[in-house]
Amino acid sequence: MPLSHGPRERPVLVRFSRGAGLPDLLPDVLGLAIRIPDADGAGGAQDLMLSTGASGAVSRRLLVPRRGYLDATYSSLIAYRIGSRNLVVAALPHGGGFTLATAPGAGEWTPFAQLDLGAELPDEQARRLRFEVTHDAGGFRIGGVWRAARAGAYDAARSVES
């Protein structure tokens, strides 16, 4: 069953990043990656990778540079296949955390989870954390050419980090 159905509290890992690595004083396209371990109940992880966008029907698919991580709207920009539907995924700022929501194309957001932020991981553990577009055990899947493009972009980013 996809993660978007049914109430359940789950521990997750969250990583914030700066897209271009600009100095903190300047706006940058920010990233929010979320890992849901054991998303399928059989040990498979679900990774959601979002970038700063906007919540509007058209602007949710555009990259929007921001300064602050916690007051930004994040969007998948492209659709995830969830069940039989193609839906954009968003993290909408809410009370120091985020409301996770989906929307078809330019449709209204439908909330499916609340993301509350907790303690930071130790630096060494955080540096080793790697997110993968192929971690889709929770039923959110990017397909086709977009899957290959996202995987390639993450591989390229990792080679710069190393």
N, C-alpha and C. Protein backbone atom coordinates (compact mmCIF):
# COMPACT_ATOMS: atom_id res chain seq x y z
N MET A 1 0.85 -1.18 0.00
CA MET A 1 0.00 0.00 0.00
C MET A 1 0.90 1.24 0.00
N PRO A 2 0.65 2.22 -0.84
CA PRO A 2 1.47 3.43 -0.85
C PRO A 2 1.42 4.15 0.49
N LEU A 3 2.48 4.87 0.76
CA LEU A 3 2.59 5.62 2.01
C LEU A 3 1.49 6.65 2.18
N SER A 4 0.88 7.06 1.10
CA SER A 4 -0.12 8.12 1.18
C SER A 4 -1.46 7.66 1.75
N HIS A 5 -1.57 6.39 2.11
CA HIS A 5 -2.82 5.86 2.66
C HIS A 5 -2.64 5.42 4.11
N GLY A 6 -3.55 5.82 4.94
CA GLY A 6 -3.59 5.33 6.31
C GLY A 6 -2.67 6.05 7.27
N PRO A 7 -3.14 6.24 8.50
CA PRO A 7 -2.30 6.91 9.50
C PRO A 7 -1.25 5.95 10.06
N ARG A 8 -0.06 6.46 10.22
CA ARG A 8 1.00 5.69 10.85
C ARG A 8 2.15 6.63 11.14
N GLU A 9 2.69 6.55 12.32
CA GLU A 9 3.85 7.35 12.67
C GLU A 9 5.08 6.58 12.24
N ARG A 10 6.00 7.27 11.56
CA ARG A 10 7.21 6.61 11.06
C ARG A 10 8.42 7.49 11.34
N PRO A 11 9.53 6.89 11.75
CA PRO A 11 10.76 7.68 11.82
C PRO A 11 11.30 7.85 10.41
N VAL A 12 11.81 9.02 10.11
CA VAL A 12 12.37 9.29 8.79
C VAL A 12 13.70 10.01 8.95
N LEU A 13 14.47 10.03 7.87
CA LEU A 13 15.70 10.81 7.80
C LEU A 13 15.47 11.94 6.82
N VAL A 14 15.95 13.13 7.16
CA VAL A 14 15.75 14.31 6.32
C VAL A 14 17.10 14.96 6.06
N ARG A 15 17.31 15.38 4.83
CA ARG A 15 18.55 16.09 4.49
C ARG A 15 18.19 17.35 3.72
N PHE A 16 18.71 18.48 4.19
CA PHE A 16 18.59 19.75 3.48
C PHE A 16 19.89 20.00 2.74
N SER A 17 19.81 20.62 1.56
CA SER A 17 21.02 20.92 0.79
C SER A 17 20.84 22.21 0.00
N ARG A 18 21.96 22.75 -0.44
CA ARG A 18 21.96 23.93 -1.30
C ARG A 18 22.37 23.47 -2.69
N GLY A 19 21.54 23.75 -3.69
CA GLY A 19 21.75 23.24 -5.04
C GLY A 19 23.04 23.67 -5.69
N ALA A 20 23.33 24.96 -5.68
CA ALA A 20 24.53 25.48 -6.34
C ALA A 20 25.66 25.70 -5.35
N GLY A 21 25.40 25.54 -4.07
CA GLY A 21 26.43 25.75 -3.06
C GLY A 21 26.83 27.20 -2.90
N LEU A 22 25.90 28.12 -3.20
CA LEU A 22 26.19 29.54 -3.06
C LEU A 22 26.35 29.90 -1.58
N PRO A 23 27.02 31.02 -1.29
CA PRO A 23 27.13 31.45 0.11
C PRO A 23 25.73 31.61 0.73
N ASP A 24 25.64 31.36 2.04
CA ASP A 24 24.36 31.39 2.75
C ASP A 24 23.62 32.71 2.61
N LEU A 25 24.34 33.80 2.39
CA LEU A 25 23.70 35.11 2.23
C LEU A 25 22.85 35.20 0.97
N LEU A 26 23.20 34.40 -0.04
CA LEU A 26 22.49 34.46 -1.33
C LEU A 26 21.42 33.38 -1.41
N PRO A 27 20.31 33.70 -2.06
CA PRO A 27 19.30 32.64 -2.29
C PRO A 27 19.88 31.55 -3.19
N ASP A 28 19.44 30.34 -3.00
CA ASP A 28 19.89 29.20 -3.78
C ASP A 28 18.68 28.26 -3.94
N VAL A 29 18.72 27.39 -4.92
CA VAL A 29 17.70 26.35 -5.00
C VAL A 29 18.04 25.35 -3.91
N LEU A 30 17.14 25.19 -2.97
CA LEU A 30 17.37 24.32 -1.83
C LEU A 30 16.76 22.94 -2.09
N GLY A 31 17.34 21.95 -1.49
CA GLY A 31 16.83 20.59 -1.62
C GLY A 31 16.37 20.04 -0.29
N LEU A 32 15.36 19.20 -0.35
CA LEU A 32 14.85 18.48 0.81
C LEU A 32 14.69 17.02 0.38
N ALA A 33 15.50 16.15 0.98
CA ALA A 33 15.39 14.72 0.71
C ALA A 33 14.86 14.04 1.96
N ILE A 34 13.93 13.13 1.77
CA ILE A 34 13.29 12.43 2.88
C ILE A 34 13.42 10.93 2.64
N ARG A 35 13.96 10.22 3.62
CA ARG A 35 14.03 8.75 3.54
C ARG A 35 13.08 8.16 4.55
N ILE A 36 12.21 7.28 4.08
CA ILE A 36 11.31 6.53 4.94
C ILE A 36 11.85 5.09 4.95
N PRO A 37 12.60 4.71 6.00
CA PRO A 37 13.09 3.33 6.07
C PRO A 37 11.91 2.36 6.21
N ASP A 38 12.06 1.18 5.71
CA ASP A 38 11.04 0.13 5.83
C ASP A 38 9.67 0.63 5.37
N ALA A 39 9.66 1.36 4.28
CA ALA A 39 8.42 1.95 3.77
C ALA A 39 7.40 0.92 3.34
N ASP A 40 7.86 -0.26 2.97
CA ASP A 40 6.95 -1.30 2.50
C ASP A 40 6.69 -2.39 3.53
N GLY A 41 7.28 -2.25 4.72
CA GLY A 41 7.12 -3.26 5.76
C GLY A 41 7.99 -4.48 5.55
N ALA A 42 8.80 -4.47 4.49
CA ALA A 42 9.68 -5.61 4.19
C ALA A 42 11.14 -5.16 4.10
N GLY A 43 11.44 -3.97 4.64
CA GLY A 43 12.82 -3.48 4.66
C GLY A 43 13.19 -2.53 3.55
N GLY A 44 12.28 -2.30 2.58
CA GLY A 44 12.58 -1.40 1.47
C GLY A 44 12.37 0.06 1.85
N ALA A 45 13.26 0.92 1.40
CA ALA A 45 13.18 2.35 1.71
C ALA A 45 12.46 3.12 0.60
N GLN A 46 11.89 4.25 0.99
CA GLN A 46 11.32 5.21 0.04
C GLN A 46 12.08 6.52 0.23
N ASP A 47 12.65 7.03 -0.86
CA ASP A 47 13.30 8.34 -0.82
C ASP A 47 12.48 9.30 -1.67
N LEU A 48 12.19 10.45 -1.11
CA LEU A 48 11.52 11.54 -1.84
C LEU A 48 12.51 12.68 -1.95
N MET A 49 12.72 13.18 -3.16
CA MET A 49 13.66 14.26 -3.38
C MET A 49 12.93 15.46 -3.96
N LEU A 50 12.96 16.56 -3.20
CA LEU A 50 12.21 17.75 -3.54
C LEU A 50 13.14 18.95 -3.61
N SER A 51 12.77 19.95 -4.40
CA SER A 51 13.53 21.19 -4.54
C SER A 51 12.62 22.38 -4.29
N THR A 52 13.21 23.50 -3.91
CA THR A 52 12.38 24.67 -3.65
C THR A 52 11.66 25.11 -4.91
N GLY A 53 10.37 25.21 -4.76
CA GLY A 53 9.48 25.67 -5.81
C GLY A 53 8.45 26.58 -5.17
N ALA A 54 7.26 26.50 -5.62
CA ALA A 54 6.17 27.30 -5.05
C ALA A 54 4.95 26.40 -4.95
N SER A 55 3.93 26.89 -4.28
CA SER A 55 2.75 26.05 -4.10
C SER A 55 1.68 26.28 -5.15
N GLY A 56 1.85 27.29 -5.99
CA GLY A 56 0.85 27.59 -7.01
C GLY A 56 0.74 26.51 -8.07
N ALA A 57 -0.37 26.49 -8.76
CA ALA A 57 -0.66 25.44 -9.75
C ALA A 57 0.39 25.37 -10.86
N VAL A 58 0.90 26.50 -11.31
CA VAL A 58 1.91 26.51 -12.37
C VAL A 58 3.31 26.56 -11.78
N SER A 59 3.50 27.38 -10.76
CA SER A 59 4.84 27.61 -10.21
C SER A 59 5.41 26.42 -9.44
N ARG A 60 4.59 25.44 -9.09
CA ARG A 60 5.09 24.28 -8.35
C ARG A 60 6.07 23.46 -9.18
N ARG A 61 6.12 23.69 -10.47
CA ARG A 61 7.03 22.94 -11.34
C ARG A 61 8.25 23.76 -11.76
N LEU A 62 8.46 24.88 -11.08
CA LEU A 62 9.60 25.75 -11.37
C LEU A 62 10.54 25.79 -10.18
N LEU A 63 11.84 25.83 -10.44
CA LEU A 63 12.82 25.99 -9.37
C LEU A 63 12.78 27.43 -8.89
N VAL A 64 12.72 27.63 -7.58
CA VAL A 64 12.66 28.97 -6.98
C VAL A 64 13.75 29.07 -5.91
N PRO A 65 14.76 29.92 -6.13
CA PRO A 65 15.80 30.09 -5.10
C PRO A 65 15.21 30.66 -3.82
N ARG A 66 15.71 30.17 -2.69
CA ARG A 66 15.26 30.60 -1.36
C ARG A 66 16.48 30.74 -0.46
N ARG A 67 16.27 31.40 0.68
CA ARG A 67 17.34 31.50 1.69
C ARG A 67 17.12 30.55 2.85
N GLY A 68 15.89 30.50 3.36
CA GLY A 68 15.62 29.72 4.56
C GLY A 68 15.04 28.35 4.24
N TYR A 69 15.55 27.34 4.92
CA TYR A 69 15.09 25.97 4.69
C TYR A 69 13.68 25.72 5.24
N LEU A 70 13.38 26.27 6.39
CA LEU A 70 12.14 25.89 7.07
C LEU A 70 10.92 26.67 6.63
N ASP A 71 11.09 27.78 5.92
CA ASP A 71 9.93 28.54 5.46
C ASP A 71 9.71 28.41 3.96
N ALA A 72 10.41 27.47 3.33
CA ALA A 72 10.31 27.28 1.89
C ALA A 72 9.31 26.18 1.55
N THR A 73 8.69 26.32 0.38
CA THR A 73 7.87 25.26 -0.20
C THR A 73 8.77 24.43 -1.10
N TYR A 74 8.69 23.12 -0.97
CA TYR A 74 9.48 22.19 -1.79
C TYR A 74 8.54 21.39 -2.66
N SER A 75 8.99 21.08 -3.88
CA SER A 75 8.17 20.33 -4.82
C SER A 75 9.02 19.31 -5.55
N SER A 76 8.39 18.23 -5.98
CA SER A 76 9.11 17.23 -6.77
C SER A 76 9.34 17.72 -8.20
N LEU A 77 8.72 18.81 -8.60
CA LEU A 77 8.81 19.39 -9.94
C LEU A 77 8.23 18.47 -11.01
N ILE A 78 8.58 17.21 -10.97
CA ILE A 78 8.01 16.24 -11.90
C ILE A 78 7.15 15.27 -11.09
N ALA A 79 6.31 14.57 -11.76
CA ALA A 79 5.35 13.70 -11.07
C ALA A 79 5.97 12.38 -10.66
N TYR A 80 5.51 11.90 -9.52
CA TYR A 80 5.76 10.53 -9.09
C TYR A 80 4.55 9.72 -9.52
N ARG A 81 4.78 8.47 -9.88
CA ARG A 81 3.68 7.54 -10.15
C ARG A 81 3.29 6.94 -8.81
N ILE A 82 2.06 7.19 -8.37
CA ILE A 82 1.57 6.69 -7.09
C ILE A 82 0.29 5.92 -7.39
N GLY A 83 0.36 4.61 -7.27
CA GLY A 83 -0.77 3.79 -7.69
C GLY A 83 -0.94 3.95 -9.19
N SER A 84 -2.11 4.35 -9.63
CA SER A 84 -2.38 4.54 -11.06
C SER A 84 -2.34 6.01 -11.47
N ARG A 85 -1.90 6.88 -10.56
CA ARG A 85 -1.93 8.33 -10.83
C ARG A 85 -0.53 8.92 -10.87
N ASN A 86 -0.36 9.98 -11.66
CA ASN A 86 0.85 10.77 -11.69
C ASN A 86 0.60 12.01 -10.84
N LEU A 87 1.37 12.15 -9.74
CA LEU A 87 1.13 13.24 -8.80
C LEU A 87 2.44 13.95 -8.45
N VAL A 88 2.36 15.26 -8.36
CA VAL A 88 3.49 16.05 -7.87
C VAL A 88 3.44 15.96 -6.35
N VAL A 89 4.60 15.85 -5.72
CA VAL A 89 4.71 15.76 -4.27
C VAL A 89 5.28 17.07 -3.75
N ALA A 90 4.78 17.54 -2.63
CA ALA A 90 5.26 18.79 -2.04
C ALA A 90 5.45 18.65 -0.55
N ALA A 91 6.33 19.49 -0.02
CA ALA A 91 6.48 19.70 1.42
C ALA A 91 6.16 21.18 1.64
N LEU A 92 5.04 21.43 2.28
CA LEU A 92 4.54 22.78 2.52
C LEU A 92 4.86 23.18 3.95
N PRO A 93 5.54 24.33 4.17
CA PRO A 93 5.93 24.69 5.53
C PRO A 93 4.71 24.82 6.44
N HIS A 94 4.88 24.28 7.66
CA HIS A 94 3.75 24.28 8.61
C HIS A 94 4.28 24.08 10.03
N GLY A 95 4.18 25.11 10.85
CA GLY A 95 4.49 25.01 12.27
C GLY A 95 5.87 24.48 12.61
N GLY A 96 6.91 24.90 11.92
CA GLY A 96 8.26 24.43 12.20
C GLY A 96 8.60 23.11 11.53
N GLY A 97 7.66 22.52 10.83
CA GLY A 97 7.87 21.30 10.07
C GLY A 97 7.23 21.46 8.71
N PHE A 98 6.72 20.39 8.17
CA PHE A 98 6.13 20.43 6.83
C PHE A 98 4.91 19.53 6.75
N THR A 99 3.96 19.93 5.93
CA THR A 99 2.86 19.07 5.54
C THR A 99 3.23 18.48 4.20
N LEU A 100 3.24 17.17 4.09
CA LEU A 100 3.50 16.52 2.81
C LEU A 100 2.17 16.35 2.09
N ALA A 101 2.19 16.67 0.80
CA ALA A 101 0.95 16.66 0.03
C ALA A 101 1.23 16.22 -1.40
N THR A 102 0.18 15.80 -2.08
CA THR A 102 0.27 15.46 -3.51
C THR A 102 -0.78 16.26 -4.26
N ALA A 103 -0.54 16.43 -5.56
CA ALA A 103 -1.51 17.11 -6.42
C ALA A 103 -1.36 16.59 -7.85
N PRO A 104 -2.48 16.42 -8.54
CA PRO A 104 -2.41 16.06 -9.96
C PRO A 104 -2.18 17.33 -10.77
N GLY A 105 -1.12 17.38 -11.56
CA GLY A 105 -0.87 18.54 -12.41
C GLY A 105 -1.07 19.85 -11.71
N ALA A 106 -2.09 20.59 -12.12
CA ALA A 106 -2.37 21.90 -11.54
C ALA A 106 -3.49 21.84 -10.51
N GLY A 107 -3.83 20.64 -10.02
CA GLY A 107 -4.92 20.50 -9.06
C GLY A 107 -4.54 20.94 -7.65
N GLU A 108 -5.50 20.85 -6.76
CA GLU A 108 -5.30 21.23 -5.35
C GLU A 108 -4.40 20.23 -4.64
N TRP A 109 -3.66 20.72 -3.64
CA TRP A 109 -2.84 19.85 -2.81
C TRP A 109 -3.73 19.01 -1.90
N THR A 110 -3.41 17.73 -1.77
CA THR A 110 -4.08 16.84 -0.84
C THR A 110 -3.04 16.37 0.18
N PRO A 111 -3.13 16.84 1.43
CA PRO A 111 -2.15 16.43 2.44
C PRO A 111 -2.24 14.93 2.72
N PHE A 112 -1.07 14.30 2.97
CA PHE A 112 -1.06 12.89 3.35
C PHE A 112 -0.19 12.61 4.56
N ALA A 113 0.63 13.58 5.00
CA ALA A 113 1.47 13.33 6.18
C ALA A 113 1.97 14.64 6.75
N GLN A 114 2.34 14.58 8.01
CA GLN A 114 2.98 15.70 8.68
C GLN A 114 4.43 15.30 8.95
N LEU A 115 5.39 16.15 8.56
CA LEU A 115 6.81 15.90 8.77
C LEU A 115 7.29 16.81 9.89
N ASP A 116 7.60 16.22 11.03
CA ASP A 116 8.13 16.96 12.17
C ASP A 116 9.62 16.71 12.23
N LEU A 117 10.39 17.79 12.37
CA LEU A 117 11.84 17.68 12.39
C LEU A 117 12.33 17.44 13.81
N GLY A 118 13.32 16.59 13.94
CA GLY A 118 13.88 16.27 15.25
C GLY A 118 15.35 16.64 15.31
N ALA A 119 16.09 15.88 16.06
CA ALA A 119 17.52 16.14 16.29
C ALA A 119 18.33 15.88 15.03
N GLU A 120 19.42 16.62 14.90
CA GLU A 120 20.33 16.42 13.77
C GLU A 120 21.17 15.17 13.98
N LEU A 121 21.51 14.52 12.86
CA LEU A 121 22.42 13.38 12.92
C LEU A 121 23.83 13.87 13.21
N PRO A 122 24.66 13.04 13.80
CA PRO A 122 26.08 13.39 13.94
C PRO A 122 26.68 13.64 12.54
N ASP A 123 27.66 14.55 12.45
CA ASP A 123 28.22 14.94 11.15
C ASP A 123 28.68 13.77 10.30
N GLU A 124 29.40 12.82 10.88
CA GLU A 124 29.91 11.68 10.11
C GLU A 124 28.77 10.86 9.53
N GLN A 125 27.75 10.59 10.31
CA GLN A 125 26.60 9.82 9.83
C GLN A 125 25.86 10.60 8.74
N ALA A 126 25.72 11.89 8.90
CA ALA A 126 25.04 12.72 7.89
C ALA A 126 25.80 12.71 6.58
N ARG A 127 27.13 12.77 6.63
CA ARG A 127 27.94 12.77 5.40
C ARG A 127 27.80 11.45 4.63
N ARG A 128 27.60 10.35 5.34
CA ARG A 128 27.48 9.03 4.69
C ARG A 128 26.09 8.78 4.11
N LEU A 129 25.12 9.58 4.49
CA LEU A 129 23.75 9.36 4.05
C LEU A 129 23.60 9.67 2.56
N ARG A 130 23.13 8.71 1.79
CA ARG A 130 22.94 8.85 0.34
C ARG A 130 21.49 8.53 -0.01
N PHE A 131 20.88 9.39 -0.78
CA PHE A 131 19.51 9.18 -1.22
C PHE A 131 19.53 8.70 -2.66
N GLU A 132 18.57 7.86 -3.02
CA GLU A 132 18.52 7.27 -4.36
C GLU A 132 17.10 7.36 -4.92
N VAL A 133 16.98 7.78 -6.16
CA VAL A 133 15.67 7.83 -6.82
C VAL A 133 15.10 6.43 -6.98
N THR A 134 15.95 5.42 -6.94
CA THR A 134 15.48 4.04 -7.08
C THR A 134 14.94 3.46 -5.77
N HIS A 135 15.06 4.19 -4.66
CA HIS A 135 14.46 3.75 -3.40
C HIS A 135 12.99 4.16 -3.43
N ASP A 136 12.14 3.26 -3.92
CA ASP A 136 10.73 3.61 -4.12
C ASP A 136 9.78 2.54 -3.59
N ALA A 137 10.19 1.89 -2.48
CA ALA A 137 9.40 0.81 -1.91
C ALA A 137 8.08 1.27 -1.31
N GLY A 138 7.92 2.57 -1.07
CA GLY A 138 6.69 3.08 -0.49
C GLY A 138 5.61 3.39 -1.50
N GLY A 139 5.87 3.10 -2.78
CA GLY A 139 4.84 3.29 -3.79
C GLY A 139 4.91 4.62 -4.53
N PHE A 140 5.94 5.43 -4.29
CA PHE A 140 6.15 6.69 -5.03
C PHE A 140 7.30 6.42 -6.00
N ARG A 141 7.01 6.42 -7.30
CA ARG A 141 8.02 6.03 -8.29
C ARG A 141 8.12 7.06 -9.40
N ILE A 142 9.35 7.53 -9.63
CA ILE A 142 9.63 8.35 -10.81
C ILE A 142 10.03 7.38 -11.90
N GLY A 143 9.45 7.51 -13.08
CA GLY A 143 9.72 6.55 -14.14
C GLY A 143 10.44 7.13 -15.34
N GLY A 144 10.77 6.26 -16.24
CA GLY A 144 11.30 6.61 -17.55
C GLY A 144 12.54 7.47 -17.55
N VAL A 145 12.56 8.41 -18.47
CA VAL A 145 13.72 9.27 -18.67
C VAL A 145 14.00 10.13 -17.43
N TRP A 146 12.95 10.49 -16.70
CA TRP A 146 13.14 11.31 -15.49
C TRP A 146 13.88 10.53 -14.43
N ARG A 147 13.62 9.24 -14.33
CA ARG A 147 14.30 8.41 -13.34
C ARG A 147 15.80 8.40 -13.62
N ALA A 148 16.18 8.19 -14.86
CA ALA A 148 17.59 8.17 -15.24
C ALA A 148 18.23 9.54 -15.04
N ALA A 149 17.51 10.60 -15.38
CA ALA A 149 18.05 11.96 -15.23
C ALA A 149 18.28 12.29 -13.76
N ARG A 150 17.32 11.97 -12.89
CA ARG A 150 17.48 12.24 -11.45
C ARG A 150 18.62 11.42 -10.87
N ALA A 151 18.72 10.15 -11.26
CA ALA A 151 19.81 9.31 -10.76
C ALA A 151 21.15 9.88 -11.20
N GLY A 152 21.24 10.32 -12.45
CA GLY A 152 22.48 10.92 -12.95
C GLY A 152 22.84 12.21 -12.24
N ALA A 153 21.85 13.03 -11.94
CA ALA A 153 22.09 14.29 -11.23
C ALA A 153 22.62 14.02 -9.83
N TYR A 154 22.05 13.02 -9.15
CA TYR A 154 22.53 12.70 -7.80
C TYR A 154 23.93 12.11 -7.85
N ASP A 155 24.24 11.29 -8.85
CA ASP A 155 25.59 10.75 -8.99
C ASP A 155 26.59 11.88 -9.21
N ALA A 156 26.24 12.86 -10.05
CA ALA A 156 27.12 13.98 -10.32
C ALA A 156 27.34 14.82 -9.07
N ALA A 157 26.28 15.05 -8.32
CA ALA A 157 26.40 15.84 -7.07
C ALA A 157 27.31 15.13 -6.08
N ARG A 158 27.21 13.82 -5.99
CA ARG A 158 28.05 13.06 -5.07
C ARG A 158 29.51 13.14 -5.45
N SER A 159 29.82 13.13 -6.77
CA SER A 159 31.22 13.19 -7.19
C SER A 159 31.83 14.55 -6.84
N VAL A 160 31.03 15.60 -6.80
CA VAL A 160 31.51 16.93 -6.40
C VAL A 160 31.72 16.97 -4.90
N GLU A 161 30.83 16.31 -4.12
CA GLU A 161 30.94 16.28 -2.67
C GLU A 161 32.19 15.55 -2.19
N SER A 162 32.60 14.52 -2.92
CA SER A 162 33.71 13.67 -2.47
C SER A 162 35.05 14.33 -2.58
